[in-house]
Amino acid sequence: MVRVKKGKPAKKRRKHLLKYVKGFRWGRKSKYRFAKPAIYHAWEYAYRDRKVRKRDFRKFWEGQINAACRKLGISYSRFIAGLKKNKIELDRKILADLSQNQLEIFQKIVEQVKK
């Protein structure tokens, strides 16, 4: 019997994977043997970091809100507790934006919380 090496499908599979590693460094962009584990790791990191990005942005917004609150004489934790007590439902992204771009509105929210 003749040995089958799967020439065309194997080449197609390899070329398909090599499309994803465009821009990688060294042999990982051109050699299938190095590209395969590199792209699998890259996909794992991409999946993980889509979750981490949300975490990082939340920390960033909390820092901005904290800095703005302390200038107005209230701590971040008291501010958030006051928001919940007064049933003001604004998320941290909006509050951070207000604290940076529209300070007078943010000051009114802080005054409402301080009462």
N, C-alpha and C. Protein backbone atom coordinates (compact mmCIF):
# COMPACT_ATOMS: atom_id res chain seq x y z
N MET A 1 0.83 -1.20 0.00
CA MET A 1 0.00 0.00 0.00
C MET A 1 0.87 1.25 0.00
N VAL A 2 0.34 2.29 -0.60
CA VAL A 2 1.08 3.53 -0.70
C VAL A 2 0.92 4.33 0.60
N ARG A 3 2.00 4.96 1.04
CA ARG A 3 1.94 5.76 2.25
C ARG A 3 1.31 7.12 1.94
N VAL A 4 0.38 7.54 2.81
CA VAL A 4 -0.29 8.82 2.61
C VAL A 4 0.30 9.82 3.59
N LYS A 5 0.78 10.94 3.06
CA LYS A 5 1.42 11.93 3.91
C LYS A 5 0.52 13.15 4.17
N LYS A 6 -0.64 13.18 3.59
CA LYS A 6 -1.59 14.28 3.77
C LYS A 6 -0.98 15.62 3.38
N GLY A 7 -0.29 15.64 2.25
CA GLY A 7 0.47 16.83 1.85
C GLY A 7 -0.35 18.10 1.79
N LYS A 8 -1.44 18.08 1.01
CA LYS A 8 -2.20 19.31 0.81
C LYS A 8 -2.94 19.75 2.08
N PRO A 9 -3.67 18.87 2.76
CA PRO A 9 -4.36 19.30 3.99
C PRO A 9 -3.39 19.75 5.09
N ALA A 10 -2.24 19.07 5.20
CA ALA A 10 -1.27 19.44 6.23
C ALA A 10 -0.71 20.82 5.95
N LYS A 11 -0.40 21.09 4.67
CA LYS A 11 0.13 22.41 4.32
C LYS A 11 -0.91 23.49 4.57
N LYS A 12 -2.16 23.18 4.26
CA LYS A 12 -3.24 24.14 4.48
C LYS A 12 -3.39 24.45 5.96
N ARG A 13 -3.33 23.41 6.80
CA ARG A 13 -3.47 23.59 8.25
C ARG A 13 -2.32 24.44 8.80
N ARG A 14 -1.11 24.16 8.33
CA ARG A 14 0.05 24.91 8.81
C ARG A 14 -0.02 26.36 8.37
N LYS A 15 -0.38 26.59 7.11
CA LYS A 15 -0.47 27.96 6.60
C LYS A 15 -1.54 28.74 7.36
N HIS A 16 -2.63 28.06 7.68
CA HIS A 16 -3.73 28.71 8.42
C HIS A 16 -3.23 29.19 9.79
N LEU A 17 -2.47 28.34 10.48
CA LEU A 17 -1.96 28.73 11.79
C LEU A 17 -0.91 29.84 11.67
N LEU A 18 -0.10 29.79 10.62
CA LEU A 18 0.94 30.80 10.46
C LEU A 18 0.37 32.19 10.18
N LYS A 19 -0.89 32.26 9.70
CA LYS A 19 -1.52 33.57 9.52
C LYS A 19 -1.68 34.29 10.85
N TYR A 20 -1.92 33.53 11.92
CA TYR A 20 -2.18 34.12 13.24
C TYR A 20 -0.92 34.63 13.92
N VAL A 21 0.25 34.13 13.51
CA VAL A 21 1.48 34.52 14.20
C VAL A 21 2.23 35.62 13.47
N LYS A 22 1.57 36.28 12.54
CA LYS A 22 2.19 37.40 11.83
C LYS A 22 2.54 38.48 12.85
N GLY A 23 3.77 38.95 12.82
CA GLY A 23 4.20 39.97 13.76
C GLY A 23 4.92 39.43 14.98
N PHE A 24 4.91 38.11 15.15
CA PHE A 24 5.66 37.53 16.27
C PHE A 24 7.15 37.65 15.96
N ARG A 25 7.98 37.50 16.98
CA ARG A 25 9.42 37.69 16.81
C ARG A 25 10.12 36.35 16.58
N TRP A 26 11.29 36.46 15.96
CA TRP A 26 12.19 35.34 15.72
C TRP A 26 11.51 34.26 14.90
N GLY A 27 11.77 32.99 15.19
CA GLY A 27 11.25 31.92 14.35
C GLY A 27 9.78 31.64 14.55
N ARG A 28 9.19 32.26 15.55
CA ARG A 28 7.79 31.96 15.86
C ARG A 28 6.83 32.48 14.80
N LYS A 29 7.31 33.37 13.93
CA LYS A 29 6.44 33.90 12.89
C LYS A 29 6.47 33.07 11.61
N SER A 30 7.47 32.21 11.49
CA SER A 30 7.63 31.52 10.21
C SER A 30 7.76 30.01 10.32
N LYS A 31 8.12 29.51 11.48
CA LYS A 31 8.34 28.07 11.64
C LYS A 31 7.18 27.46 12.43
N TYR A 32 6.52 26.52 11.81
CA TYR A 32 5.31 25.93 12.39
C TYR A 32 5.58 25.34 13.77
N ARG A 33 6.74 24.71 13.91
CA ARG A 33 7.09 24.04 15.16
C ARG A 33 7.11 25.02 16.35
N PHE A 34 7.58 26.25 16.10
CA PHE A 34 7.64 27.26 17.16
C PHE A 34 6.38 28.11 17.21
N ALA A 35 5.72 28.20 16.08
CA ALA A 35 4.52 29.05 16.01
C ALA A 35 3.35 28.43 16.77
N LYS A 36 3.23 27.11 16.70
CA LYS A 36 2.07 26.44 17.31
C LYS A 36 1.96 26.69 18.82
N PRO A 37 3.00 26.40 19.61
CA PRO A 37 2.86 26.70 21.05
C PRO A 37 2.78 28.20 21.33
N ALA A 38 3.43 29.01 20.50
CA ALA A 38 3.41 30.46 20.73
C ALA A 38 2.00 31.01 20.59
N ILE A 39 1.29 30.56 19.57
CA ILE A 39 -0.06 31.09 19.34
C ILE A 39 -1.03 30.55 20.40
N TYR A 40 -0.83 29.32 20.83
CA TYR A 40 -1.72 28.78 21.88
C TYR A 40 -1.54 29.56 23.18
N HIS A 41 -0.29 29.88 23.52
CA HIS A 41 -0.06 30.69 24.72
C HIS A 41 -0.65 32.09 24.55
N ALA A 42 -0.46 32.65 23.36
CA ALA A 42 -0.97 34.00 23.10
C ALA A 42 -2.49 34.03 23.28
N TRP A 43 -3.18 33.01 22.80
CA TRP A 43 -4.64 32.97 22.93
C TRP A 43 -5.05 32.84 24.40
N GLU A 44 -4.29 32.07 25.16
CA GLU A 44 -4.59 31.94 26.60
C GLU A 44 -4.44 33.30 27.29
N TYR A 45 -3.36 34.00 26.99
CA TYR A 45 -3.13 35.30 27.61
C TYR A 45 -4.19 36.30 27.18
N ALA A 46 -4.60 36.25 25.91
CA ALA A 46 -5.61 37.18 25.42
C ALA A 46 -6.93 36.94 26.14
N TYR A 47 -7.30 35.68 26.34
CA TYR A 47 -8.54 35.35 27.05
C TYR A 47 -8.48 35.86 28.49
N ARG A 48 -7.35 35.58 29.15
CA ARG A 48 -7.18 36.00 30.54
C ARG A 48 -7.21 37.53 30.65
N ASP A 49 -6.51 38.20 29.76
CA ASP A 49 -6.34 39.64 29.89
C ASP A 49 -7.58 40.43 29.49
N ARG A 50 -8.52 39.80 28.78
CA ARG A 50 -9.79 40.47 28.55
C ARG A 50 -10.53 40.65 29.87
N LYS A 51 -10.35 39.71 30.78
CA LYS A 51 -10.95 39.83 32.12
C LYS A 51 -10.16 40.82 32.97
N VAL A 52 -8.83 40.76 32.88
CA VAL A 52 -7.95 41.61 33.68
C VAL A 52 -8.14 43.08 33.31
N ARG A 53 -8.40 43.35 32.02
CA ARG A 53 -8.58 44.74 31.58
C ARG A 53 -9.73 45.40 32.33
N LYS A 54 -10.81 44.66 32.54
CA LYS A 54 -11.96 45.20 33.26
C LYS A 54 -11.58 45.54 34.71
N ARG A 55 -10.78 44.65 35.32
CA ARG A 55 -10.28 44.87 36.68
C ARG A 55 -9.42 46.12 36.75
N ASP A 56 -8.52 46.26 35.78
CA ASP A 56 -7.59 47.39 35.78
C ASP A 56 -8.32 48.71 35.61
N PHE A 57 -9.31 48.74 34.72
CA PHE A 57 -10.06 49.97 34.53
C PHE A 57 -10.81 50.35 35.79
N ARG A 58 -11.39 49.36 36.47
CA ARG A 58 -12.12 49.66 37.71
C ARG A 58 -11.18 50.28 38.75
N LYS A 59 -9.96 49.72 38.89
CA LYS A 59 -8.98 50.28 39.82
C LYS A 59 -8.60 51.71 39.44
N PHE A 60 -8.45 51.94 38.15
CA PHE A 60 -8.10 53.27 37.64
C PHE A 60 -9.20 54.28 37.98
N TRP A 61 -10.47 53.89 37.74
CA TRP A 61 -11.58 54.80 38.05
C TRP A 61 -11.68 55.07 39.54
N GLU A 62 -11.47 54.03 40.36
CA GLU A 62 -11.54 54.20 41.81
C GLU A 62 -10.47 55.19 42.28
N GLY A 63 -9.28 55.11 41.69
CA GLY A 63 -8.21 56.04 42.04
C GLY A 63 -8.55 57.48 41.68
N GLN A 64 -9.15 57.67 40.52
CA GLN A 64 -9.55 59.02 40.11
C GLN A 64 -10.63 59.58 41.03
N ILE A 65 -11.61 58.75 41.35
CA ILE A 65 -12.71 59.19 42.23
C ILE A 65 -12.15 59.51 43.62
N ASN A 66 -11.27 58.68 44.12
CA ASN A 66 -10.67 58.88 45.44
C ASN A 66 -9.93 60.21 45.50
N ALA A 67 -9.13 60.50 44.46
CA ALA A 67 -8.37 61.76 44.44
C ALA A 67 -9.31 62.96 44.44
N ALA A 68 -10.37 62.88 43.63
CA ALA A 68 -11.31 64.00 43.55
C ALA A 68 -12.08 64.16 44.87
N CYS A 69 -12.45 63.05 45.48
CA CYS A 69 -13.20 63.09 46.76
C CYS A 69 -12.34 63.71 47.86
N ARG A 70 -11.09 63.32 47.93
CA ARG A 70 -10.22 63.82 49.00
C ARG A 70 -9.99 65.33 48.87
N LYS A 71 -9.98 65.84 47.64
CA LYS A 71 -9.89 67.29 47.46
C LYS A 71 -11.11 68.00 48.02
N LEU A 72 -12.24 67.30 47.99
CA LEU A 72 -13.50 67.88 48.48
C LEU A 72 -13.80 67.49 49.92
N GLY A 73 -12.85 66.83 50.60
CA GLY A 73 -12.95 66.58 52.02
C GLY A 73 -13.74 65.35 52.44
N ILE A 74 -13.73 64.32 51.62
CA ILE A 74 -14.42 63.07 51.98
C ILE A 74 -13.59 61.91 51.44
N SER A 75 -13.58 60.81 52.17
CA SER A 75 -12.82 59.65 51.70
C SER A 75 -13.66 58.87 50.68
N TYR A 76 -12.96 58.04 49.91
CA TYR A 76 -13.63 57.25 48.86
C TYR A 76 -14.67 56.31 49.46
N SER A 77 -14.32 55.63 50.54
CA SER A 77 -15.24 54.64 51.11
C SER A 77 -16.50 55.31 51.66
N ARG A 78 -16.35 56.45 52.30
CA ARG A 78 -17.53 57.19 52.81
C ARG A 78 -18.38 57.71 51.65
N PHE A 79 -17.70 58.11 50.58
CA PHE A 79 -18.41 58.60 49.40
C PHE A 79 -19.28 57.50 48.79
N ILE A 80 -18.71 56.33 48.59
CA ILE A 80 -19.44 55.20 47.99
C ILE A 80 -20.58 54.76 48.90
N ALA A 81 -20.30 54.72 50.22
CA ALA A 81 -21.36 54.35 51.18
C ALA A 81 -22.49 55.37 51.14
N GLY A 82 -22.15 56.65 51.03
CA GLY A 82 -23.15 57.70 50.94
C GLY A 82 -23.98 57.61 49.68
N LEU A 83 -23.33 57.25 48.58
CA LEU A 83 -24.07 57.06 47.32
C LEU A 83 -25.12 55.96 47.48
N LYS A 84 -24.73 54.86 48.10
CA LYS A 84 -25.66 53.75 48.28
C LYS A 84 -26.79 54.13 49.22
N LYS A 85 -26.45 54.87 50.28
CA LYS A 85 -27.46 55.27 51.26
C LYS A 85 -28.49 56.22 50.64
N ASN A 86 -28.00 57.14 49.78
CA ASN A 86 -28.89 58.10 49.12
C ASN A 86 -29.50 57.57 47.82
N LYS A 87 -29.23 56.29 47.52
CA LYS A 87 -29.77 55.64 46.33
C LYS A 87 -29.41 56.37 45.03
N ILE A 88 -28.16 56.84 44.96
CA ILE A 88 -27.63 57.45 43.73
C ILE A 88 -26.91 56.35 42.97
N GLU A 89 -27.46 55.94 41.85
CA GLU A 89 -26.91 54.80 41.12
C GLU A 89 -26.10 55.27 39.92
N LEU A 90 -24.86 55.64 40.17
CA LEU A 90 -23.91 55.98 39.12
C LEU A 90 -22.73 55.03 39.23
N ASP A 91 -22.32 54.48 38.11
CA ASP A 91 -21.18 53.56 38.19
C ASP A 91 -19.87 54.34 38.24
N ARG A 92 -18.80 53.61 38.54
CA ARG A 92 -17.51 54.25 38.77
C ARG A 92 -16.95 54.91 37.52
N LYS A 93 -17.27 54.34 36.36
CA LYS A 93 -16.79 54.93 35.11
C LYS A 93 -17.36 56.34 34.93
N ILE A 94 -18.65 56.49 35.17
CA ILE A 94 -19.31 57.78 35.02
C ILE A 94 -18.80 58.76 36.08
N LEU A 95 -18.68 58.28 37.32
CA LEU A 95 -18.19 59.16 38.39
C LEU A 95 -16.77 59.65 38.12
N ALA A 96 -15.92 58.76 37.61
CA ALA A 96 -14.54 59.16 37.29
C ALA A 96 -14.54 60.20 36.18
N ASP A 97 -15.38 60.02 35.20
CA ASP A 97 -15.47 60.99 34.10
C ASP A 97 -15.97 62.34 34.61
N LEU A 98 -16.98 62.31 35.47
CA LEU A 98 -17.49 63.56 36.05
C LEU A 98 -16.41 64.26 36.88
N SER A 99 -15.66 63.48 37.64
CA SER A 99 -14.63 64.07 38.50
C SER A 99 -13.52 64.73 37.68
N GLN A 100 -13.28 64.24 36.47
CA GLN A 100 -12.21 64.81 35.63
C GLN A 100 -12.70 65.94 34.74
N ASN A 101 -13.89 65.78 34.16
CA ASN A 101 -14.33 66.71 33.12
C ASN A 101 -15.40 67.71 33.55
N GLN A 102 -16.23 67.33 34.52
CA GLN A 102 -17.32 68.21 34.95
C GLN A 102 -17.34 68.28 36.47
N LEU A 103 -16.39 69.03 36.99
CA LEU A 103 -16.15 69.06 38.43
C LEU A 103 -17.32 69.64 39.21
N GLU A 104 -18.03 70.63 38.65
CA GLU A 104 -19.14 71.24 39.38
C GLU A 104 -20.28 70.23 39.62
N ILE A 105 -20.53 69.36 38.65
CA ILE A 105 -21.55 68.32 38.84
C ILE A 105 -21.08 67.33 39.91
N PHE A 106 -19.80 66.97 39.86
CA PHE A 106 -19.26 66.03 40.84
C PHE A 106 -19.32 66.64 42.25
N GLN A 107 -19.06 67.95 42.36
CA GLN A 107 -19.14 68.62 43.66
C GLN A 107 -20.56 68.56 44.22
N LYS A 108 -21.56 68.73 43.35
CA LYS A 108 -22.96 68.65 43.80
C LYS A 108 -23.30 67.25 44.30
N ILE A 109 -22.77 66.24 43.63
CA ILE A 109 -22.99 64.85 44.08
C ILE A 109 -22.35 64.64 45.43
N VAL A 110 -21.13 65.16 45.64
CA VAL A 110 -20.44 65.01 46.92
C VAL A 110 -21.21 65.74 48.02
N GLU A 111 -21.73 66.94 47.72
CA GLU A 111 -22.53 67.67 48.71
C GLU A 111 -23.78 66.89 49.11
N GLN A 112 -24.40 66.26 48.12
CA GLN A 112 -25.59 65.43 48.37
C GLN A 112 -25.25 64.27 49.29
N VAL A 113 -24.08 63.69 49.06
CA VAL A 113 -23.64 62.53 49.86
C VAL A 113 -23.29 62.96 51.28
N LYS A 114 -22.68 64.15 51.45
CA LYS A 114 -22.26 64.60 52.76
C LYS A 114 -23.43 64.88 53.69
N LYS A 115 -24.62 65.20 53.14
CA LYS A 115 -25.78 65.52 53.97
C LYS A 115 -26.23 64.37 54.83
